[in-house]
N, C-alpha and C. Protein backbone atom coordinates (compact mmCIF):
# COMPACT_ATOMS: atom_id res chain seq x y z
N MET A 1 15.13 -21.94 25.73
CA MET A 1 16.04 -21.01 25.10
C MET A 1 15.29 -19.71 24.78
N GLU A 2 15.88 -18.61 25.13
CA GLU A 2 15.28 -17.29 24.90
C GLU A 2 15.70 -16.76 23.53
N ILE A 3 14.73 -16.25 22.78
CA ILE A 3 15.00 -15.66 21.46
C ILE A 3 15.39 -14.20 21.66
N ASN A 4 16.48 -13.78 21.02
CA ASN A 4 16.92 -12.39 21.10
C ASN A 4 16.07 -11.57 20.13
N LYS A 5 14.92 -11.11 20.60
CA LYS A 5 13.98 -10.40 19.74
C LYS A 5 14.55 -9.09 19.21
N GLY A 6 15.41 -8.44 19.98
CA GLY A 6 16.04 -7.21 19.52
C GLY A 6 16.89 -7.44 18.28
N HIS A 7 17.60 -8.55 18.27
CA HIS A 7 18.44 -8.91 17.13
C HIS A 7 17.56 -9.12 15.88
N TYR A 8 16.48 -9.88 16.04
CA TYR A 8 15.61 -10.17 14.89
C TYR A 8 14.80 -8.94 14.47
N LYS A 9 14.47 -8.11 15.41
CA LYS A 9 13.76 -6.87 15.07
C LYS A 9 14.65 -6.00 14.18
N LYS A 10 15.92 -5.90 14.51
CA LYS A 10 16.85 -5.11 13.70
C LYS A 10 16.98 -5.72 12.31
N LEU A 11 17.12 -7.05 12.23
CA LEU A 11 17.22 -7.71 10.93
C LEU A 11 15.98 -7.42 10.08
N LEU A 12 14.81 -7.52 10.70
CA LEU A 12 13.55 -7.29 9.98
C LEU A 12 13.42 -5.82 9.55
N GLU A 13 13.77 -4.90 10.44
CA GLU A 13 13.68 -3.47 10.09
C GLU A 13 14.63 -3.12 8.95
N ASP A 14 15.84 -3.69 8.98
CA ASP A 14 16.81 -3.44 7.91
C ASP A 14 16.29 -4.00 6.58
N GLU A 15 15.74 -5.20 6.62
CA GLU A 15 15.21 -5.80 5.41
C GLU A 15 14.01 -5.02 4.89
N LEU A 16 13.17 -4.54 5.80
CA LEU A 16 12.00 -3.76 5.40
C LEU A 16 12.42 -2.49 4.65
N ARG A 17 13.44 -1.81 5.14
CA ARG A 17 13.95 -0.61 4.47
C ARG A 17 14.48 -0.95 3.07
N THR A 18 15.22 -2.04 2.97
CA THR A 18 15.76 -2.47 1.68
C THR A 18 14.63 -2.80 0.71
N LEU A 19 13.64 -3.54 1.19
CA LEU A 19 12.51 -3.92 0.34
C LEU A 19 11.74 -2.69 -0.13
N GLU A 20 11.55 -1.73 0.77
CA GLU A 20 10.82 -0.52 0.39
C GLU A 20 11.58 0.24 -0.69
N SER A 21 12.90 0.31 -0.57
CA SER A 21 13.71 0.96 -1.61
C SER A 21 13.56 0.24 -2.94
N GLU A 22 13.61 -1.08 -2.89
CA GLU A 22 13.48 -1.86 -4.12
C GLU A 22 12.08 -1.72 -4.72
N LEU A 23 11.07 -1.71 -3.87
CA LEU A 23 9.70 -1.53 -4.35
C LEU A 23 9.55 -0.19 -5.07
N LYS A 24 10.17 0.84 -4.54
CA LYS A 24 10.06 2.17 -5.14
C LYS A 24 10.68 2.23 -6.53
N THR A 25 11.57 1.30 -6.86
CA THR A 25 12.18 1.31 -8.19
C THR A 25 11.25 0.74 -9.26
N VAL A 26 10.25 -0.04 -8.84
CA VAL A 26 9.33 -0.67 -9.81
C VAL A 26 7.87 -0.31 -9.58
N GLY A 27 7.59 0.43 -8.50
CA GLY A 27 6.19 0.73 -8.21
C GLY A 27 6.04 1.92 -7.30
N ARG A 28 4.81 2.08 -6.89
CA ARG A 28 4.46 3.16 -5.96
C ARG A 28 3.33 2.67 -5.07
N ILE A 29 3.13 3.36 -3.96
CA ILE A 29 2.02 3.00 -3.08
C ILE A 29 0.73 3.39 -3.78
N ASN A 30 -0.20 2.50 -3.79
CA ASN A 30 -1.49 2.73 -4.43
C ASN A 30 -2.21 3.87 -3.69
N PRO A 31 -2.54 4.96 -4.38
CA PRO A 31 -3.20 6.08 -3.70
C PRO A 31 -4.59 5.73 -3.16
N ASP A 32 -5.22 4.71 -3.74
CA ASP A 32 -6.54 4.29 -3.28
C ASP A 32 -6.48 3.30 -2.13
N ASN A 33 -5.31 2.66 -1.93
CA ASN A 33 -5.14 1.68 -0.86
C ASN A 33 -3.70 1.74 -0.40
N PRO A 34 -3.41 2.53 0.64
CA PRO A 34 -2.03 2.73 1.09
C PRO A 34 -1.32 1.46 1.58
N LYS A 35 -2.04 0.35 1.74
CA LYS A 35 -1.40 -0.91 2.14
C LYS A 35 -0.98 -1.74 0.93
N ASP A 36 -1.21 -1.19 -0.26
CA ASP A 36 -0.97 -1.91 -1.50
C ASP A 36 0.03 -1.15 -2.37
N TRP A 37 0.81 -1.87 -3.13
CA TRP A 37 1.74 -1.28 -4.09
C TRP A 37 1.24 -1.59 -5.49
N GLU A 38 1.53 -0.71 -6.43
CA GLU A 38 1.17 -0.95 -7.82
C GLU A 38 2.36 -0.63 -8.71
N PRO A 39 2.51 -1.38 -9.81
CA PRO A 39 3.65 -1.10 -10.70
C PRO A 39 3.49 0.25 -11.36
N THR A 40 4.62 0.88 -11.62
CA THR A 40 4.57 2.18 -12.30
C THR A 40 4.83 1.97 -13.78
N PRO A 41 4.04 2.64 -14.58
CA PRO A 41 4.26 2.53 -16.02
C PRO A 41 5.49 3.33 -16.43
N ALA A 42 6.12 2.90 -17.50
CA ALA A 42 7.28 3.64 -18.01
C ALA A 42 6.79 4.93 -18.65
N LYS A 43 7.64 5.93 -18.61
CA LYS A 43 7.31 7.19 -19.26
C LYS A 43 7.43 7.02 -20.77
N MET A 44 6.43 7.52 -21.50
CA MET A 44 6.46 7.37 -22.94
C MET A 44 5.67 8.51 -23.58
N ASP A 45 6.21 9.03 -24.66
CA ASP A 45 5.51 10.03 -25.44
C ASP A 45 4.60 9.28 -26.40
N THR A 46 3.33 9.17 -26.04
CA THR A 46 2.40 8.37 -26.84
C THR A 46 2.10 9.00 -28.19
N ASP A 47 2.34 10.28 -28.34
CA ASP A 47 2.07 10.94 -29.63
C ASP A 47 3.07 10.50 -30.70
N SER A 48 4.31 10.28 -30.29
CA SER A 48 5.33 9.95 -31.28
C SER A 48 5.83 8.50 -31.15
N ALA A 49 5.23 7.71 -30.31
CA ALA A 49 5.69 6.35 -30.07
C ALA A 49 5.35 5.44 -31.25
N ASP A 50 6.33 4.59 -31.61
CA ASP A 50 6.03 3.60 -32.64
C ASP A 50 5.62 2.29 -31.96
N GLN A 51 5.26 1.30 -32.75
CA GLN A 51 4.78 0.03 -32.19
C GLN A 51 5.82 -0.64 -31.32
N ASN A 52 7.08 -0.59 -31.72
CA ASN A 52 8.14 -1.23 -30.93
C ASN A 52 8.30 -0.56 -29.57
N GLU A 53 8.22 0.76 -29.56
CA GLU A 53 8.34 1.49 -28.29
C GLU A 53 7.17 1.17 -27.38
N VAL A 54 5.98 1.09 -27.94
CA VAL A 54 4.79 0.73 -27.15
C VAL A 54 4.95 -0.68 -26.60
N ALA A 55 5.41 -1.61 -27.44
CA ALA A 55 5.60 -3.00 -27.00
C ALA A 55 6.65 -3.08 -25.89
N ASP A 56 7.74 -2.33 -26.04
CA ASP A 56 8.78 -2.31 -25.00
C ASP A 56 8.24 -1.76 -23.69
N THR A 57 7.42 -0.73 -23.78
CA THR A 57 6.83 -0.12 -22.58
C THR A 57 5.90 -1.10 -21.88
N ILE A 58 5.11 -1.81 -22.64
CA ILE A 58 4.20 -2.82 -22.06
C ILE A 58 5.00 -3.94 -21.41
N GLU A 59 6.06 -4.38 -22.08
CA GLU A 59 6.90 -5.43 -21.54
C GLU A 59 7.57 -4.98 -20.23
N GLU A 60 8.06 -3.76 -20.21
CA GLU A 60 8.68 -3.23 -18.99
C GLU A 60 7.67 -3.17 -17.84
N PHE A 61 6.46 -2.74 -18.14
CA PHE A 61 5.41 -2.67 -17.12
C PHE A 61 5.11 -4.06 -16.57
N GLU A 62 5.01 -5.05 -17.45
CA GLU A 62 4.73 -6.42 -17.01
C GLU A 62 5.86 -6.98 -16.16
N GLU A 63 7.11 -6.67 -16.54
CA GLU A 63 8.25 -7.10 -15.73
C GLU A 63 8.22 -6.44 -14.36
N ASN A 64 7.93 -5.14 -14.33
CA ASN A 64 7.83 -4.43 -13.06
C ASN A 64 6.73 -5.04 -12.19
N ALA A 65 5.60 -5.40 -12.81
CA ALA A 65 4.49 -5.99 -12.05
C ALA A 65 4.90 -7.31 -11.42
N ALA A 66 5.64 -8.13 -12.16
CA ALA A 66 6.08 -9.43 -11.63
C ALA A 66 7.08 -9.25 -10.49
N ILE A 67 8.03 -8.35 -10.69
CA ILE A 67 9.02 -8.07 -9.64
C ILE A 67 8.32 -7.50 -8.41
N LEU A 68 7.43 -6.56 -8.64
CA LEU A 68 6.72 -5.90 -7.54
C LEU A 68 5.93 -6.92 -6.72
N LYS A 69 5.29 -7.85 -7.38
CA LYS A 69 4.49 -8.85 -6.67
C LYS A 69 5.35 -9.64 -5.68
N GLN A 70 6.52 -10.10 -6.12
CA GLN A 70 7.41 -10.86 -5.24
C GLN A 70 7.94 -9.99 -4.10
N LEU A 71 8.34 -8.77 -4.42
CA LEU A 71 8.83 -7.87 -3.37
C LEU A 71 7.74 -7.55 -2.37
N GLU A 72 6.52 -7.33 -2.85
CA GLU A 72 5.42 -6.99 -1.96
C GLU A 72 5.06 -8.15 -1.03
N ILE A 73 5.13 -9.37 -1.55
CA ILE A 73 4.88 -10.54 -0.70
C ILE A 73 5.90 -10.57 0.45
N ARG A 74 7.17 -10.40 0.11
CA ARG A 74 8.21 -10.42 1.14
C ARG A 74 8.07 -9.24 2.09
N PHE A 75 7.77 -8.06 1.54
CA PHE A 75 7.56 -6.86 2.34
C PHE A 75 6.49 -7.12 3.41
N ASN A 76 5.38 -7.73 3.01
CA ASN A 76 4.29 -8.03 3.95
C ASN A 76 4.68 -9.09 4.96
N GLU A 77 5.47 -10.09 4.54
CA GLU A 77 5.95 -11.10 5.49
C GLU A 77 6.82 -10.45 6.57
N VAL A 78 7.69 -9.55 6.15
CA VAL A 78 8.59 -8.87 7.10
C VAL A 78 7.77 -7.99 8.05
N LYS A 79 6.80 -7.26 7.51
CA LYS A 79 5.95 -6.43 8.37
C LYS A 79 5.20 -7.30 9.39
N GLU A 80 4.72 -8.46 8.96
CA GLU A 80 4.03 -9.38 9.88
C GLU A 80 4.98 -9.88 10.96
N GLY A 81 6.25 -10.11 10.59
CA GLY A 81 7.24 -10.52 11.58
C GLY A 81 7.43 -9.45 12.65
N LEU A 82 7.46 -8.19 12.23
CA LEU A 82 7.59 -7.09 13.20
C LEU A 82 6.36 -6.99 14.09
N VAL A 83 5.18 -7.24 13.54
CA VAL A 83 3.95 -7.25 14.35
C VAL A 83 4.02 -8.36 15.38
N ARG A 84 4.54 -9.54 14.99
CA ARG A 84 4.66 -10.66 15.95
C ARG A 84 5.63 -10.31 17.07
N ILE A 85 6.69 -9.57 16.76
CA ILE A 85 7.63 -9.16 17.81
C ILE A 85 6.90 -8.26 18.80
N GLU A 86 6.17 -7.27 18.28
CA GLU A 86 5.46 -6.32 19.15
C GLU A 86 4.37 -7.00 19.97
N SER A 87 3.73 -8.02 19.41
CA SER A 87 2.63 -8.68 20.13
C SER A 87 3.11 -9.81 21.04
N GLY A 88 4.41 -10.13 20.98
CA GLY A 88 4.95 -11.17 21.84
C GLY A 88 4.82 -12.57 21.27
N ASN A 89 4.46 -12.70 19.99
CA ASN A 89 4.29 -14.02 19.38
C ASN A 89 5.46 -14.40 18.47
N TYR A 90 6.49 -13.60 18.45
CA TYR A 90 7.60 -13.85 17.53
C TYR A 90 8.34 -15.11 17.93
N GLY A 91 8.73 -15.89 16.91
CA GLY A 91 9.52 -17.10 17.15
C GLY A 91 8.71 -18.29 17.56
N VAL A 92 7.38 -18.18 17.47
CA VAL A 92 6.49 -19.28 17.83
C VAL A 92 5.75 -19.73 16.57
N CYS A 93 5.78 -21.01 16.27
CA CYS A 93 5.12 -21.55 15.08
C CYS A 93 3.62 -21.30 15.16
N LYS A 94 3.07 -20.74 14.09
CA LYS A 94 1.64 -20.42 14.08
C LYS A 94 0.77 -21.67 13.96
N HIS A 95 1.38 -22.83 13.64
CA HIS A 95 0.59 -24.06 13.51
C HIS A 95 0.61 -24.92 14.76
N CYS A 96 1.80 -25.06 15.36
CA CYS A 96 1.89 -25.99 16.49
C CYS A 96 2.26 -25.33 17.81
N GLY A 97 2.68 -24.06 17.78
CA GLY A 97 3.01 -23.35 19.00
C GLY A 97 4.41 -23.63 19.53
N LYS A 98 5.19 -24.44 18.81
CA LYS A 98 6.57 -24.71 19.23
C LYS A 98 7.46 -23.53 18.86
N ILE A 99 8.59 -23.44 19.56
CA ILE A 99 9.58 -22.41 19.25
C ILE A 99 10.20 -22.71 17.89
N ILE A 100 10.28 -21.68 17.05
CA ILE A 100 10.91 -21.83 15.73
C ILE A 100 12.42 -21.93 15.91
N GLU A 101 13.02 -22.85 15.18
CA GLU A 101 14.45 -23.11 15.29
C GLU A 101 15.26 -21.83 15.00
N THR A 102 16.31 -21.62 15.79
CA THR A 102 17.17 -20.44 15.64
C THR A 102 17.76 -20.38 14.24
N GLY A 103 18.20 -21.50 13.71
CA GLY A 103 18.76 -21.53 12.37
C GLY A 103 17.76 -21.06 11.32
N ARG A 104 16.52 -21.43 11.52
CA ARG A 104 15.46 -21.00 10.58
C ARG A 104 15.26 -19.49 10.69
N LEU A 105 15.23 -18.96 11.90
CA LEU A 105 15.05 -17.52 12.08
C LEU A 105 16.24 -16.73 11.56
N GLU A 106 17.44 -17.29 11.68
CA GLU A 106 18.62 -16.61 11.13
C GLU A 106 18.54 -16.57 9.61
N ALA A 107 18.07 -17.66 9.00
CA ALA A 107 17.96 -17.71 7.54
C ALA A 107 16.80 -16.87 7.04
N ASN A 108 15.72 -16.84 7.83
CA ASN A 108 14.52 -16.10 7.44
C ASN A 108 13.88 -15.50 8.69
N PRO A 109 14.29 -14.30 9.08
CA PRO A 109 13.76 -13.69 10.30
C PRO A 109 12.24 -13.50 10.28
N ALA A 110 11.62 -13.54 9.11
CA ALA A 110 10.17 -13.36 9.02
C ALA A 110 9.42 -14.69 9.13
N ALA A 111 10.13 -15.78 9.34
CA ALA A 111 9.49 -17.11 9.40
C ALA A 111 8.39 -17.13 10.48
N SER A 112 7.28 -17.73 10.11
CA SER A 112 6.16 -17.82 11.06
C SER A 112 5.85 -19.27 11.43
N THR A 113 6.65 -20.20 10.86
CA THR A 113 6.43 -21.63 11.17
C THR A 113 7.76 -22.29 11.47
N CYS A 114 7.68 -23.39 12.21
CA CYS A 114 8.86 -24.20 12.47
C CYS A 114 9.18 -25.00 11.20
N MET A 115 10.31 -25.68 11.18
CA MET A 115 10.72 -26.45 10.01
C MET A 115 9.68 -27.52 9.67
N GLU A 116 9.06 -28.11 10.67
CA GLU A 116 8.08 -29.17 10.44
C GLU A 116 6.87 -28.64 9.64
N HIS A 117 6.54 -27.38 9.80
CA HIS A 117 5.36 -26.82 9.15
C HIS A 117 5.69 -25.85 8.01
N THR A 118 6.92 -25.96 7.48
CA THR A 118 7.32 -25.14 6.35
C THR A 118 6.53 -25.58 5.13
N LYS A 119 6.12 -24.61 4.34
CA LYS A 119 5.33 -24.94 3.13
C LYS A 119 6.12 -25.82 2.20
């Protein structure tokens, strides 16, 4: 069975754009490492901030960091899926070399393993 790589490439590219938009709401690209994202701190006037405002700002930053981590993991999985399409390895399990099930690719176009080797 032939995998429609064009179909999955479009799904991955669409998801990548969505993830990048979502990442931008909680972070920015690390200027020291363009392959990495970092959470953005909330804007705060530190001269007039009270303890509650400081605590809220820290809490918001920590929430952004947690959200960013999950989005960045998925962002990188999707980018790796696009690399596999370009290199001709898309749809092949990285552990056993079998073709990844179509249902699995439809549910997760970035999948790199067959159902047998799912984490």
